[in-house]
Amino acid sequence: MFTGIVKTIGEIIEIENKGKGKRVKIKYKGEIELKEGDSISIDGACITIEKLDGKTFDVFLSEETLKTTKFGKVLRKGYFVNLEPSLKIGDTLGGHFVTGHVDGIGKIKKIIKNKEEIKMEIEFDRNFEKYLYQKAQIAIDGISLTLFERKRNRGIFKIIPYTYKNTTISLKRSGDLVNVEFDVFAKIVENLLKGGKKI
């Protein structure tokens, strides 16, 4: 379980093919507490740390992870990712409950920056329109964001300066892909209303 509050940014420095998956080495800055076997959110995807060496760690991205997240399309050396260690009992929940199970991939259509604010418009698969309600909490690349405005299957998010400076949002451009996880409670309620049928 995570909060969507990014702790630091990592850089992919090595990629090795392993069958249909990939082993990836990530270098990071900042002081975060990690150990081998821990879960970590990498751009919103919950991955297990296999090896830790100073300020670098190794993870394995399975075939399924590559298919269901943006990593199958964007993975390369020099790519920067948001990192958040898993939530521990007693930690402050500053964002919202994020499971690290990516629902799908979104595409950034527009980023508007001016003196007053930063807005980011993201296009989602039409199957996800039902989760785009006013003030919905949505994890975008592992960042806890609140939906400001909806335009059919597009959502507009206001980004505060701190989030812009301390996450990979400052590196994003129109056309970039993002991992998306919608509000877990909305999905639970939907499933209950459908009588427990798979959604």
Protein backbone atom coordinates (compact mmCIF):
# COMPACT_ATOMS: atom_id res chain seq x y z
CA MET A 1 0.00 0.00 0.00
CA PHE A 2 1.20 3.51 -0.88
CA THR A 3 0.02 7.10 -0.51
CA GLY A 4 0.84 8.69 -3.85
CA ILE A 5 3.33 11.04 -2.16
CA VAL A 6 6.54 10.65 -4.14
CA LYS A 7 9.67 10.49 -1.96
CA THR A 8 12.35 10.84 -4.62
CA ILE A 9 13.11 10.41 -8.32
CA GLY A 10 15.13 7.51 -9.72
CA GLU A 11 16.95 7.00 -13.02
CA ILE A 12 17.04 3.74 -14.96
CA ILE A 13 20.72 2.99 -15.55
CA GLU A 14 20.68 -0.64 -16.74
CA ILE A 15 18.19 -2.90 -18.51
CA GLU A 16 18.75 -6.64 -19.02
CA ASN A 17 16.43 -8.99 -20.90
CA LYS A 18 15.39 -12.00 -18.82
CA GLY A 19 13.13 -14.29 -20.84
CA LYS A 20 9.98 -12.29 -21.56
CA GLY A 21 10.70 -9.94 -18.67
CA LYS A 22 13.41 -7.41 -17.89
CA ARG A 23 15.74 -6.84 -14.96
CA VAL A 24 16.20 -3.14 -14.31
CA LYS A 25 18.72 -1.23 -12.19
CA ILE A 26 17.63 2.12 -10.77
CA LYS A 27 19.79 4.83 -9.21
CA TYR A 28 18.21 7.31 -6.83
CA LYS A 29 19.04 10.35 -4.71
CA GLY A 30 17.64 11.39 -1.38
CA GLU A 31 17.21 9.55 1.90
CA ILE A 32 14.66 6.76 1.69
CA GLU A 33 14.66 3.60 3.75
CA LEU A 34 14.85 0.49 1.55
CA LYS A 35 15.79 -3.15 1.98
CA GLU A 36 15.82 -6.22 -0.22
CA GLY A 37 12.38 -7.81 -0.51
CA ASP A 38 10.57 -4.51 0.06
CA SER A 39 7.81 -3.34 -2.25
CA ILE A 40 8.38 0.00 -3.94
CA SER A 41 6.15 2.09 -6.18
CA ILE A 42 7.93 2.82 -9.46
CA ASP A 43 5.82 5.31 -11.42
CA GLY A 44 2.83 3.86 -9.59
CA ALA A 45 3.57 0.17 -10.18
CA CYS A 46 4.24 -1.98 -7.11
CA ILE A 47 7.53 -3.84 -7.70
CA THR A 48 9.74 -5.92 -5.38
CA ILE A 49 13.34 -4.88 -4.70
CA GLU A 50 15.55 -7.88 -5.49
CA LYS A 51 18.98 -6.40 -4.82
CA LEU A 52 20.16 -3.26 -3.05
CA ASP A 53 23.60 -1.69 -3.39
CA GLY A 54 24.09 1.76 -1.91
CA LYS A 55 21.97 4.19 -3.91
CA THR A 56 20.99 1.65 -6.56
CA PHE A 57 18.55 -1.26 -6.55
CA ASP A 58 17.48 -4.01 -8.96
CA VAL A 59 13.92 -5.02 -9.80
CA PHE A 60 12.40 -7.55 -12.19
CA LEU A 61 9.59 -6.47 -14.51
CA SER A 62 7.56 -9.50 -15.53
CA GLU A 63 5.93 -10.00 -18.92
CA GLU A 64 2.57 -9.11 -17.33
CA THR A 65 3.95 -5.87 -15.86
CA LEU A 66 5.39 -4.87 -19.22
CA LYS A 67 2.02 -5.51 -20.88
CA THR A 68 -0.22 -3.77 -18.36
CA THR A 69 1.90 -0.68 -17.65
CA LYS A 70 3.63 1.90 -19.80
CA PHE A 71 7.00 0.22 -19.16
CA GLY A 72 6.58 -2.08 -22.14
CA LYS A 73 6.59 1.04 -24.34
CA VAL A 74 8.83 3.60 -22.62
CA LEU A 75 11.54 1.61 -20.82
CA ARG A 76 15.05 2.86 -21.66
CA LYS A 77 18.30 3.89 -20.00
CA GLY A 78 18.16 7.43 -18.70
CA TYR A 79 14.40 7.30 -18.11
CA PHE A 80 13.36 8.97 -14.84
CA VAL A 81 10.73 7.49 -12.52
CA ASN A 82 8.86 8.47 -9.36
CA LEU A 83 9.70 6.38 -6.30
CA GLU A 84 7.74 5.75 -3.11
CA PRO A 85 8.52 3.04 -0.52
CA SER A 86 5.52 1.09 0.77
CA LEU A 87 3.46 2.58 3.58
CA LYS A 88 4.41 1.49 7.11
CA ILE A 89 2.13 1.44 10.13
CA GLY A 90 2.35 4.82 11.79
CA ASP A 91 3.31 6.69 8.58
CA THR A 92 1.38 9.83 7.68
CA LEU A 93 -1.18 9.32 4.92
CA GLY A 94 -0.73 12.57 3.04
CA GLY A 95 -2.24 11.56 -0.31
CA HIS A 96 -4.76 8.73 -0.76
CA PHE A 97 -4.71 4.94 -0.65
CA VAL A 98 -2.79 3.65 -3.67
CA THR A 99 -2.33 -0.10 -4.17
CA GLY A 100 0.34 -0.01 -6.86
CA HIS A 101 -1.84 -2.11 -9.20
CA VAL A 102 -1.95 -0.10 -12.40
CA ASP A 103 -5.39 0.02 -14.08
CA GLY A 104 -4.21 1.28 -17.44
CA ILE A 105 -2.19 3.76 -19.42
CA GLY A 106 -3.05 7.41 -20.03
CA LYS A 107 -1.65 9.87 -22.55
CA ILE A 108 -0.76 13.46 -21.75
CA LYS A 109 -2.54 15.69 -24.26
CA LYS A 110 -1.58 19.09 -22.93
CA ILE A 111 0.46 20.80 -20.21
CA ILE A 112 -0.29 24.46 -19.57
CA LYS A 113 2.09 26.51 -17.46
CA ASN A 114 1.66 30.11 -16.42
CA LYS A 115 2.52 32.28 -13.43
CA GLU A 116 -0.57 31.27 -11.48
CA GLU A 117 -0.83 27.53 -12.04
CA ILE A 118 0.09 24.41 -13.96
CA LYS A 119 -2.57 22.26 -15.59
CA MET A 120 -2.14 18.81 -17.12
CA GLU A 121 -4.74 17.23 -19.39
CA ILE A 122 -4.68 13.43 -19.71
CA GLU A 123 -6.65 11.18 -22.04
CA PHE A 124 -7.87 7.84 -20.66
CA ASP A 125 -9.40 4.75 -22.23
CA ARG A 126 -13.17 5.28 -22.61
CA ASN A 127 -13.80 2.30 -20.30
CA PHE A 128 -12.48 4.44 -17.44
CA GLU A 129 -14.83 7.41 -17.91
CA LYS A 130 -16.93 6.19 -14.96
CA TYR A 131 -14.02 6.90 -12.59
CA LEU A 132 -13.62 10.50 -13.78
CA TYR A 133 -15.95 12.15 -11.29
CA GLN A 134 -15.41 15.60 -9.78
CA LYS A 135 -12.51 15.65 -7.29
CA ALA A 136 -11.70 11.98 -7.87
CA GLN A 137 -8.37 10.91 -6.44
CA ILE A 138 -6.27 9.35 -9.19
CA ALA A 139 -2.65 8.19 -9.10
CA ILE A 140 -0.77 9.38 -12.20
CA ASP A 141 2.69 7.78 -12.43
CA GLY A 142 2.34 7.14 -8.71
CA ILE A 143 1.46 10.75 -7.85
CA SER A 144 -1.72 11.39 -5.86
CA LEU A 145 -3.68 13.94 -7.90
CA THR A 146 -7.22 15.29 -7.68
CA LEU A 147 -9.37 15.59 -10.80
CA PHE A 148 -10.16 19.26 -11.38
CA GLU A 149 -12.27 19.01 -14.53
CA ARG A 150 -13.57 16.28 -16.82
CA LYS A 151 -14.01 16.40 -20.59
CA ARG A 152 -15.54 13.05 -21.56
CA ASN A 153 -12.62 10.60 -21.32
CA ARG A 154 -10.11 13.32 -20.52
CA GLY A 155 -9.22 14.68 -17.09
CA ILE A 156 -7.62 17.98 -16.19
CA PHE A 157 -5.43 18.17 -13.08
CA LYS A 158 -4.03 21.23 -11.34
CA ILE A 159 -0.42 20.70 -10.27
CA ILE A 160 0.99 22.62 -7.31
CA PRO A 161 4.55 23.97 -7.72
CA TYR A 162 6.01 21.57 -5.12
CA THR A 163 4.67 18.52 -6.94
CA TYR A 164 5.86 19.90 -10.27
CA LYS A 165 9.40 20.42 -8.99
CA ASN A 166 9.74 17.21 -6.97
CA THR A 167 8.30 14.62 -9.36
CA THR A 168 8.81 13.67 -13.00
CA ILE A 169 5.92 15.94 -14.06
CA SER A 170 8.49 18.66 -14.77
CA LEU A 171 10.01 16.34 -17.41
CA LYS A 172 6.73 15.44 -19.13
CA ARG A 173 5.64 16.59 -22.57
CA SER A 174 2.48 16.23 -24.66
CA GLY A 175 2.20 12.68 -26.00
CA ASP A 176 3.99 11.07 -23.05
CA LEU A 177 2.41 7.96 -21.51
CA VAL A 178 1.60 7.61 -17.80
CA ASN A 179 0.59 4.77 -15.50
CA VAL A 180 -2.88 5.26 -14.02
CA GLU A 181 -4.57 3.86 -10.93
CA PHE A 182 -8.10 4.96 -10.10
CA ASP A 183 -9.62 5.27 -6.63
CA VAL A 184 -9.65 1.81 -5.04
CA PHE A 185 -12.80 2.57 -3.04
CA ALA A 186 -14.73 3.52 -6.18
CA LYS A 187 -13.76 0.18 -7.72
CA ILE A 188 -14.80 -1.73 -4.57
CA VAL A 189 -18.22 -0.03 -4.51
CA GLU A 190 -18.68 -0.72 -8.22
CA ASN A 191 -17.90 -4.39 -7.71
CA LEU A 192 -20.33 -4.66 -4.77
CA LEU A 193 -23.11 -3.02 -6.80
CA LYS A 194 -22.50 -5.54 -9.55
CA GLY A 195 -22.96 -8.36 -7.05
CA GLY A 196 -19.31 -9.33 -6.90
CA LYS A 197 -19.01 -9.94 -10.63
CA LYS A 198 -15.54 -9.37 -12.05
CA ILE A 199 -14.97 -5.84 -13.32
